[in-house]
Amino acid sequence: MSAFPVTRLRRFRRTASLRGLVRETSVHLDQFVMPLFVAPQALANEELPGMARFDVEGLVAEVDALAASGVRAVMLFGIPPEKDDEATGAWEDEGIVQQALRALRPRFPELVVLTDVCLCEYTSHGHCGVVVDGEIHNDRSLELLARTAVSHADAGADVVAPSDMMDGRVGAIREALDDRGFESTPILAYSAKYASAFYGPFREAADSTPSFGDRRGYQMDPANVREALRECELDLDEGADAIMIKPALPYLDVIRAAREAFDVPVAAYNVSGEYAMVKAAARAGWLDERAAALESLTAIKRAGADLIVSYWTRDLPAWL
């Protein structure tokens, strides 16, 4: 390769049109999923609008606006009216997510509706599985997770996304779905979900903060990447159709490693803490929210994510 002055890499940076012509990574709206919280009662969030709660009627109105703007996929999280040790609200026929699915499905037939499959929003203790003698019992949790996934598929979910990090839950869910005639329902597994400090605003929005201990006994150690690849491989062996890395920005290396190791769709969750930091900095006048958000989302795509779950999805139609 010739050296300067013959080689001048700035030549293709002179104008926006030239830069666009050789851009290596592109961000498109159809690659994004908007997370939405549905609850018996709405709860606005002016500082973090992506973390607002909607009742079912409000959810339909919100999805109507999102779909009209070009958003093609949403992911539902539920906050039940009551919680118990068996996470009944997660899997019962009249659960809040099940109600939302039945309201959305006939009105938005082309919209991709994903559901988060976990128990933490529904248990009285806030953990992602059944508690036995003060410990999260892995195998006893699988039945409830599988029951939840089937109830979501039955109510109209296009994709179920288990996020609990119990061992064997993908296999249990796949078997349960197939047994009930939902063999065509894909599983997007939160395969590498880290025990992260970046979930704070989500836990407040979803009312899912544990009442004792923490989730480090089942979510991943932030120091590990080889273990993340083992988790991904196990989930794929059990029947996962796509894998997710969560959070996204502090784990770009994990996204890249998963992209290089597996020839399947790779998702990344641009989590609430990542969203909240940029929002707070923008309110303080320290940075431009749109520029920082688009740079962050481009970085996630560049690392190898095929699809991104992000609270900025509702802003992207105007920004892009």
Protein backbone atom coordinates (compact mmCIF):
# COMPACT_ATOMS: atom_id res chain seq x y z
CA MET A 1 0.00 0.00 0.00
CA SER A 2 1.33 3.42 -0.93
CA ALA A 3 2.18 5.84 1.82
CA PHE A 4 1.21 9.51 2.27
CA PRO A 5 0.85 11.70 0.21
CA VAL A 6 -0.44 9.21 -2.41
CA THR A 7 -2.79 7.51 0.11
CA ARG A 8 -5.17 10.00 1.71
CA LEU A 9 -7.97 8.33 3.63
CA ARG A 10 -9.67 11.69 4.15
CA ARG A 11 -10.74 11.77 0.49
CA PHE A 12 -13.85 9.71 1.24
CA ARG A 13 -14.62 11.74 4.37
CA ARG A 14 -15.05 15.13 2.69
CA THR A 15 -18.85 15.12 2.37
CA ALA A 16 -21.83 13.32 3.87
CA SER A 17 -22.56 11.69 0.52
CA LEU A 18 -19.03 10.34 0.18
CA ARG A 19 -19.05 9.06 3.75
CA GLY A 20 -22.37 7.32 3.15
CA LEU A 21 -21.06 5.67 0.02
CA VAL A 22 -18.38 3.75 1.91
CA ARG A 23 -20.09 3.35 5.28
CA GLU A 24 -19.41 -0.12 6.66
CA THR A 25 -22.21 -0.31 9.23
CA SER A 26 -25.77 0.88 8.68
CA VAL A 27 -28.57 1.27 11.22
CA HIS A 28 -32.09 0.51 9.96
CA LEU A 29 -35.36 0.80 11.85
CA ASP A 30 -36.44 -2.74 10.96
CA GLN A 31 -33.55 -4.10 13.07
CA PHE A 32 -34.91 -2.63 16.31
CA VAL A 33 -37.32 -3.80 18.99
CA MET A 34 -39.14 -1.42 21.36
CA PRO A 35 -39.51 -2.72 24.94
CA LEU A 36 -42.90 -1.87 26.50
CA PHE A 37 -44.17 -2.28 30.05
CA VAL A 38 -47.83 -3.19 30.55
CA ALA A 39 -49.54 -2.99 33.94
CA PRO A 40 -53.03 -2.66 35.41
CA GLN A 41 -52.43 1.06 35.86
CA ALA A 42 -50.41 3.43 33.69
CA LEU A 43 -47.42 5.24 35.14
CA ALA A 44 -45.73 8.05 33.22
CA ASN A 45 -41.97 8.62 33.31
CA GLU A 46 -41.07 12.08 32.02
CA GLU A 47 -37.33 11.75 32.62
CA LEU A 48 -37.09 8.30 31.02
CA PRO A 49 -40.06 8.06 28.62
CA GLY A 50 -38.97 4.65 27.39
CA MET A 51 -39.53 3.30 30.90
CA ALA A 52 -43.20 4.32 31.21
CA ARG A 53 -45.89 1.81 32.09
CA PHE A 54 -49.07 1.44 30.02
CA ASP A 55 -52.38 -0.12 30.84
CA VAL A 56 -53.74 -2.35 28.08
CA GLU A 57 -55.72 0.44 26.44
CA GLY A 58 -52.75 2.80 26.58
CA LEU A 59 -50.47 0.08 25.25
CA VAL A 60 -52.67 -0.34 22.19
CA ALA A 61 -52.52 3.42 21.57
CA GLU A 62 -48.74 3.46 22.02
CA VAL A 63 -48.24 0.53 19.65
CA ASP A 64 -50.57 2.20 17.17
CA ALA A 65 -48.28 5.25 17.13
CA LEU A 66 -45.14 3.12 16.96
CA ALA A 67 -46.45 1.03 14.07
CA ALA A 68 -47.58 4.14 12.19
CA SER A 69 -44.06 5.56 12.50
CA GLY A 70 -42.52 2.39 11.03
CA VAL A 71 -41.50 0.42 14.13
CA ARG A 72 -41.87 -3.28 13.28
CA ALA A 73 -41.29 -5.09 16.57
CA VAL A 74 -42.07 -4.67 20.27
CA MET A 75 -41.21 -6.71 23.35
CA LEU A 76 -43.69 -6.93 26.23
CA PHE A 77 -42.89 -6.95 29.95
CA GLY A 78 -45.69 -7.35 32.48
CA ILE A 79 -46.33 -5.99 35.96
CA PRO A 80 -49.20 -7.93 37.56
CA PRO A 81 -51.77 -6.55 40.02
CA GLU A 82 -50.57 -9.04 42.64
CA LYS A 83 -47.44 -11.12 43.18
CA ASP A 84 -46.98 -14.52 44.82
CA ASP A 85 -44.35 -17.20 45.34
CA GLU A 86 -45.49 -19.19 42.28
CA ALA A 87 -45.43 -16.22 39.84
CA THR A 88 -49.06 -16.93 38.98
CA GLY A 89 -49.42 -13.69 37.03
CA ALA A 90 -46.73 -14.83 34.60
CA TRP A 91 -48.60 -17.84 33.23
CA GLU A 92 -52.32 -17.53 34.01
CA ASP A 93 -54.72 -17.04 31.10
CA GLU A 94 -55.79 -13.60 32.33
CA GLY A 95 -52.27 -12.40 33.09
CA ILE A 96 -51.45 -8.85 32.09
CA VAL A 97 -49.18 -9.85 29.19
CA GLN A 98 -51.73 -12.36 27.96
CA GLN A 99 -54.41 -9.64 27.99
CA ALA A 100 -52.08 -7.30 26.11
CA LEU A 101 -51.29 -9.93 23.48
CA ARG A 102 -54.95 -10.61 22.82
CA ALA A 103 -55.57 -6.86 22.45
CA LEU A 104 -52.62 -6.31 20.09
CA ARG A 105 -52.69 -9.40 17.90
CA PRO A 106 -55.85 -8.78 15.83
CA ARG A 107 -55.16 -5.07 15.46
CA PHE A 108 -51.51 -5.33 14.37
CA PRO A 109 -51.17 -8.56 12.38
CA GLU A 110 -47.88 -7.51 10.74
CA LEU A 111 -46.20 -6.36 13.95
CA VAL A 112 -43.66 -8.75 15.48
CA VAL A 113 -44.58 -9.14 19.15
CA LEU A 114 -41.93 -10.68 21.39
CA THR A 115 -42.47 -11.45 25.07
CA ASP A 116 -39.99 -11.55 27.89
CA VAL A 117 -40.30 -14.89 29.68
CA CYS A 118 -39.19 -14.53 33.28
CA LEU A 119 -40.70 -14.73 36.75
CA CYS A 120 -39.04 -11.79 38.49
CA GLU A 121 -41.83 -9.28 37.82
CA TYR A 122 -44.40 -11.75 39.16
CA THR A 123 -42.80 -13.29 42.26
CA SER A 124 -43.33 -11.80 45.70
CA HIS A 125 -39.55 -12.00 46.32
CA GLY A 126 -38.47 -10.54 42.96
CA HIS A 127 -36.20 -13.40 41.90
CA CYS A 128 -36.30 -15.11 38.51
CA GLY A 129 -37.14 -18.56 39.84
CA VAL A 130 -38.80 -20.52 42.62
CA VAL A 131 -37.23 -20.03 46.06
CA VAL A 132 -36.65 -23.12 48.21
CA ASP A 133 -34.93 -22.74 51.60
CA GLY A 134 -33.61 -19.33 50.64
CA GLU A 135 -32.09 -20.53 47.36
CA ILE A 136 -33.29 -20.18 43.75
CA HIS A 137 -34.25 -23.73 42.79
CA ASN A 138 -33.26 -24.19 39.17
CA ASP A 139 -35.20 -27.30 38.16
CA ARG A 140 -38.44 -26.39 39.96
CA SER A 141 -38.43 -23.08 38.10
CA LEU A 142 -38.38 -24.69 34.66
CA GLU A 143 -42.00 -25.85 34.74
CA LEU A 144 -43.28 -22.35 35.49
CA LEU A 145 -41.07 -20.79 32.81
CA ALA A 146 -42.27 -23.30 30.24
CA ARG A 147 -45.88 -22.73 31.28
CA THR A 148 -45.35 -18.96 30.88
CA ALA A 149 -43.89 -19.34 27.40
CA VAL A 150 -46.78 -21.56 26.27
CA SER A 151 -49.33 -19.11 27.65
CA HIS A 152 -47.67 -16.28 25.70
CA ALA A 153 -47.64 -18.26 22.47
CA ASP A 154 -51.26 -19.25 23.01
CA ALA A 155 -52.24 -15.58 23.48
CA GLY A 156 -50.50 -14.55 20.25
CA ALA A 157 -46.79 -13.96 20.85
CA ASP A 158 -44.62 -14.31 17.74
CA VAL A 159 -41.39 -14.91 19.68
CA VAL A 160 -40.74 -15.90 23.30
CA ALA A 161 -37.57 -14.66 24.96
CA PRO A 162 -36.53 -16.40 28.21
CA SER A 163 -34.37 -14.09 30.32
CA ASP A 164 -34.18 -15.94 33.64
CA MET A 165 -30.78 -17.65 33.15
CA MET A 166 -31.92 -20.95 34.69
CA ASP A 167 -29.96 -23.92 33.32
CA GLY A 168 -32.01 -26.01 30.90
CA ARG A 169 -34.85 -23.55 30.47
CA VAL A 170 -34.56 -23.35 26.67
CA GLY A 171 -34.95 -27.11 26.35
CA ALA A 172 -37.92 -27.11 28.73
CA ILE A 173 -39.60 -24.29 26.83
CA ARG A 174 -38.92 -25.86 23.43
CA GLU A 175 -40.41 -29.17 24.54
CA ALA A 176 -43.47 -27.49 26.05
CA LEU A 177 -44.09 -25.34 22.97
CA ASP A 178 -43.77 -28.32 20.64
CA ASP A 179 -46.08 -30.44 22.78
CA ARG A 180 -48.77 -27.74 22.58
CA GLY A 181 -48.52 -27.28 18.82
CA PHE A 182 -46.30 -24.20 18.83
CA GLU A 183 -43.34 -25.80 17.09
CA SER A 184 -43.09 -22.76 14.76
CA THR A 185 -42.70 -20.26 17.63
CA PRO A 186 -39.06 -19.09 17.79
CA ILE A 187 -37.10 -18.83 21.03
CA LEU A 188 -34.83 -15.81 21.42
CA ALA A 189 -32.74 -16.79 24.43
CA TYR A 190 -31.08 -14.26 26.69
CA SER A 191 -28.07 -16.54 26.55
CA ALA A 192 -25.45 -14.24 28.06
CA LYS A 193 -27.27 -12.09 30.60
CA TYR A 194 -24.81 -10.55 33.00
CA ALA A 195 -25.32 -9.59 36.65
CA SER A 196 -24.99 -5.95 35.71
CA ALA A 197 -25.19 -2.62 37.52
CA PHE A 198 -26.88 -1.16 34.44
CA TYR A 199 -30.37 -2.59 35.13
CA GLY A 200 -31.44 -0.10 37.79
CA PRO A 201 -34.09 1.91 35.89
CA PHE A 202 -35.57 -1.28 34.44
CA ARG A 203 -36.03 -2.84 37.87
CA GLU A 204 -37.90 0.26 39.00
CA ALA A 205 -40.09 0.28 35.89
CA ALA A 206 -40.78 -3.45 36.12
CA ASP A 207 -41.04 -3.48 39.94
CA SER A 208 -38.66 -6.44 40.01
CA THR A 209 -35.94 -5.59 42.53
CA PRO A 210 -35.17 -8.70 44.64
CA SER A 211 -36.39 -8.50 48.22
CA PHE A 212 -33.29 -10.36 49.42
CA GLY A 213 -29.83 -11.07 48.04
CA ASP A 214 -29.03 -10.47 44.40
CA ARG A 215 -29.02 -12.35 41.10
CA ARG A 216 -25.33 -13.19 40.90
CA GLY A 217 -26.07 -16.84 41.63
CA TYR A 218 -27.70 -17.25 38.21
CA GLN A 219 -26.83 -14.24 36.06
CA MET A 220 -23.33 -14.17 34.61
CA ASP A 221 -20.15 -12.77 36.15
CA PRO A 222 -19.22 -9.59 34.21
CA ALA A 223 -15.60 -10.78 34.08
CA ASN A 224 -16.34 -13.81 31.87
CA VAL A 225 -16.56 -14.14 28.10
CA ARG A 226 -15.63 -17.81 27.48
CA GLU A 227 -18.47 -18.78 29.79
CA ALA A 228 -20.82 -16.61 27.70
CA LEU A 229 -19.97 -18.63 24.62
CA ARG A 230 -20.67 -21.86 26.52
CA GLU A 231 -24.06 -20.46 27.54
CA CYS A 232 -24.83 -19.57 23.92
CA GLU A 233 -23.78 -22.99 22.69
CA LEU A 234 -25.88 -24.80 25.30
CA ASP A 235 -28.96 -22.71 24.48
CA LEU A 236 -28.56 -23.42 20.78
CA ASP A 237 -28.16 -27.12 21.48
CA GLU A 238 -31.40 -27.01 23.49
CA GLY A 239 -33.32 -25.41 20.64
CA ALA A 240 -32.82 -21.64 20.77
CA ASP A 241 -33.33 -19.99 17.38
CA ALA A 242 -31.45 -16.80 18.27
CA ILE A 243 -29.27 -15.61 21.15
CA MET A 244 -29.11 -12.37 23.10
CA ILE A 245 -26.31 -10.54 24.88
CA LYS A 246 -27.37 -8.24 27.73
CA PRO A 247 -26.26 -5.51 28.43
CA ALA A 248 -24.89 -4.28 25.12
CA LEU A 249 -22.40 -1.41 25.41
CA PRO A 250 -20.22 -2.76 28.25
CA TYR A 251 -20.19 -6.15 26.48
CA LEU A 252 -19.39 -5.29 22.86
CA ASP A 253 -16.56 -7.82 22.98
CA VAL A 254 -19.05 -10.54 23.94
CA ILE A 255 -21.34 -9.57 21.05
CA ARG A 256 -18.36 -9.78 18.68
CA ALA A 257 -17.26 -13.14 20.10
CA ALA A 258 -20.78 -14.56 19.73
CA ARG A 259 -21.07 -13.21 16.20
CA GLU A 260 -17.83 -14.91 15.19
CA ALA A 261 -18.64 -18.20 16.95
CA PHE A 262 -22.25 -18.81 15.89
CA ASP A 263 -24.02 -18.57 12.55
CA VAL A 264 -27.39 -17.61 14.07
CA PRO A 265 -29.14 -14.29 14.67
CA VAL A 266 -27.47 -12.38 17.50
CA ALA A 267 -29.47 -9.83 19.48
CA ALA A 268 -28.25 -7.26 21.97
CA TYR A 269 -30.18 -5.41 24.66
CA ASN A 270 -29.30 -1.72 24.95
CA VAL A 271 -30.38 -1.67 28.58
CA SER A 272 -32.04 0.93 30.78
CA GLY A 273 -28.83 2.11 32.45
CA GLU A 274 -27.19 2.80 29.10
CA TYR A 275 -30.29 4.75 28.05
CA ALA A 276 -30.53 6.61 31.37
CA MET A 277 -26.90 7.74 31.36
CA VAL A 278 -27.21 9.41 27.97
CA LYS A 279 -30.57 10.94 28.94
CA ALA A 280 -29.09 12.39 32.14
CA ALA A 281 -26.01 13.74 30.39
CA ALA A 282 -28.15 15.31 27.68
CA ARG A 283 -30.37 17.01 30.29
CA ALA A 284 -27.23 18.44 31.90
CA GLY A 285 -26.11 19.80 28.53
CA TRP A 286 -23.01 17.62 28.43
CA LEU A 287 -23.78 15.88 25.14
CA ASP A 288 -26.28 15.67 22.30
CA GLU A 289 -28.73 12.82 22.96
CA ARG A 290 -29.46 12.01 19.32
CA ALA A 291 -25.80 11.95 18.30
CA ALA A 292 -24.75 9.91 21.34
CA ALA A 293 -27.63 7.45 20.97
CA LEU A 294 -27.03 6.85 17.27
CA GLU A 295 -23.29 6.42 17.88
CA SER A 296 -24.04 3.90 20.64
CA LEU A 297 -26.50 1.94 18.51
CA THR A 298 -24.09 1.95 15.55
CA ALA A 299 -21.38 0.55 17.83
CA ILE A 300 -23.69 -2.29 18.88
CA LYS A 301 -24.43 -3.07 15.23
CA ARG A 302 -20.75 -2.83 14.34
CA ALA A 303 -19.89 -5.33 17.07
CA GLY A 304 -22.13 -7.87 15.32
CA ALA A 305 -25.71 -7.57 16.58
CA ASP A 306 -28.38 -8.38 14.00
CA LEU A 307 -31.19 -6.90 16.07
CA ILE A 308 -31.22 -4.51 19.00
CA VAL A 309 -33.70 -4.07 21.82
CA SER A 310 -33.55 -0.38 22.73
CA TYR A 311 -35.66 2.26 24.47
CA TRP A 312 -34.58 4.66 21.72
CA THR A 313 -36.53 2.66 19.14
CA ARG A 314 -39.48 5.07 19.41
CA ASP A 315 -37.14 7.97 18.53
CA LEU A 316 -35.48 6.30 15.56
CA PRO A 317 -38.15 7.03 12.92
CA ALA A 318 -37.50 10.76 13.34
CA TRP A 319 -33.75 10.40 13.80
CA LEU A 320 -33.11 8.10 10.84
